[in-house]
Amino acid sequence: MSSRRLEIETWIRKDYFRFYKDFEEPFFGMTVNVPCTSTLQQAQEEQESFFLLYLHRILMVVNEVEPFRYRIENNGVVIHDRIDG
């Protein structure tokens, strides 16, 4: 998997990164309600795994949104080309 380093000095979020990077857990999580009725129906109709279909769709979104592919590595931010489950 290839990746590239994000240039911190020109990054609009550099001040936030510098503030939070040394925290024990310098990231956040969130919980949201995601409607999955159509995904469940599709999985049932095609006799496929709901989990695998849902995971595939989530990973498609993760890979479309660049900030979801950021990772903190070696005191910097790395942008991965692809995130796998």
Protein backbone atom coordinates (compact mmCIF):
# COMPACT_ATOMS: atom_id res chain seq x y z
CA MET A 1 0.00 0.00 0.00
CA SER A 2 1.47 3.35 -0.93
CA SER A 3 1.23 6.55 1.05
CA ARG A 4 2.65 10.04 1.20
CA ARG A 5 3.45 12.43 4.02
CA LEU A 6 1.17 15.42 4.50
CA GLU A 7 3.01 18.75 4.56
CA ILE A 8 2.20 19.96 8.08
CA GLU A 9 3.42 23.54 7.57
CA THR A 10 0.88 24.27 4.82
CA TRP A 11 -1.94 22.22 6.35
CA ILE A 12 -4.97 24.20 7.53
CA ARG A 13 -5.25 21.88 10.57
CA LYS A 14 -1.61 22.19 11.66
CA ASP A 15 -2.40 24.03 14.91
CA TYR A 16 -4.91 21.36 15.94
CA PHE A 17 -2.47 18.61 15.04
CA ARG A 18 0.33 20.19 17.07
CA PHE A 19 -1.97 20.59 20.08
CA TYR A 20 -3.36 17.04 20.06
CA LYS A 21 -0.48 14.97 18.63
CA ASP A 22 1.15 14.27 22.00
CA PHE A 23 -2.08 13.18 23.72
CA GLU A 24 -2.24 9.53 24.70
CA GLU A 25 -5.16 9.13 22.30
CA PRO A 26 -4.88 11.98 19.74
CA PHE A 27 -8.00 11.03 17.85
CA PHE A 28 -11.72 10.94 18.38
CA GLY A 29 -14.60 8.66 17.65
CA MET A 30 -18.26 9.22 17.08
CA THR A 31 -21.41 7.22 16.97
CA VAL A 32 -24.11 7.91 14.40
CA ASN A 33 -27.28 6.24 13.25
CA VAL A 34 -26.88 4.98 9.71
CA PRO A 35 -29.98 3.78 7.86
CA CYS A 36 -29.20 0.32 6.49
CA THR A 37 -32.60 -0.92 5.36
CA SER A 38 -31.75 -1.00 1.65
CA THR A 39 -28.44 -2.74 2.35
CA LEU A 40 -30.19 -5.35 4.49
CA GLN A 41 -32.83 -5.90 1.81
CA GLN A 42 -30.17 -6.28 -0.88
CA ALA A 43 -28.20 -8.78 1.23
CA GLN A 44 -31.34 -10.82 1.86
CA GLU A 45 -32.44 -10.76 -1.79
CA GLU A 46 -29.00 -11.82 -3.01
CA GLN A 47 -28.46 -14.21 -0.09
CA GLU A 48 -25.22 -12.45 0.74
CA SER A 49 -23.68 -11.49 4.07
CA PHE A 50 -25.10 -8.22 5.38
CA PHE A 51 -21.85 -7.61 7.28
CA LEU A 52 -19.67 -7.96 4.19
CA LEU A 53 -21.93 -5.78 2.06
CA TYR A 54 -22.08 -3.11 4.78
CA LEU A 55 -18.29 -3.27 5.32
CA HIS A 56 -17.70 -2.89 1.58
CA ARG A 57 -19.90 0.19 1.42
CA ILE A 58 -18.26 1.77 4.47
CA LEU A 59 -14.79 1.20 3.02
CA MET A 60 -15.87 2.76 -0.28
CA VAL A 61 -16.80 5.95 1.60
CA VAL A 62 -13.64 5.87 3.73
CA ASN A 63 -11.53 5.68 0.60
CA GLU A 64 -13.38 8.52 -1.13
CA VAL A 65 -12.81 11.00 1.73
CA GLU A 66 -9.12 11.87 2.05
CA PRO A 67 -9.11 12.85 5.76
CA PHE A 68 -10.46 9.37 6.59
CA ARG A 69 -7.20 8.00 5.16
CA TYR A 70 -4.95 10.11 7.42
CA ARG A 71 -2.82 8.29 9.99
CA ILE A 72 -0.37 9.66 12.54
CA GLU A 73 3.03 8.06 12.02
CA ASN A 74 6.45 9.15 13.29
CA ASN A 75 5.17 12.52 14.61
CA GLY A 76 3.66 13.37 11.24
CA VAL A 77 0.56 12.70 9.19
CA VAL A 78 0.58 10.11 6.43
CA ILE A 79 -2.09 9.95 3.74
CA HIS A 80 -2.66 6.38 2.62
CA ASP A 81 -3.88 5.77 -0.92
CA ARG A 82 -6.22 3.05 0.32
CA ILE A 83 -7.59 1.81 3.62
CA ASP A 84 -8.46 -1.87 3.91
CA GLY A 85 -10.77 -3.55 6.38
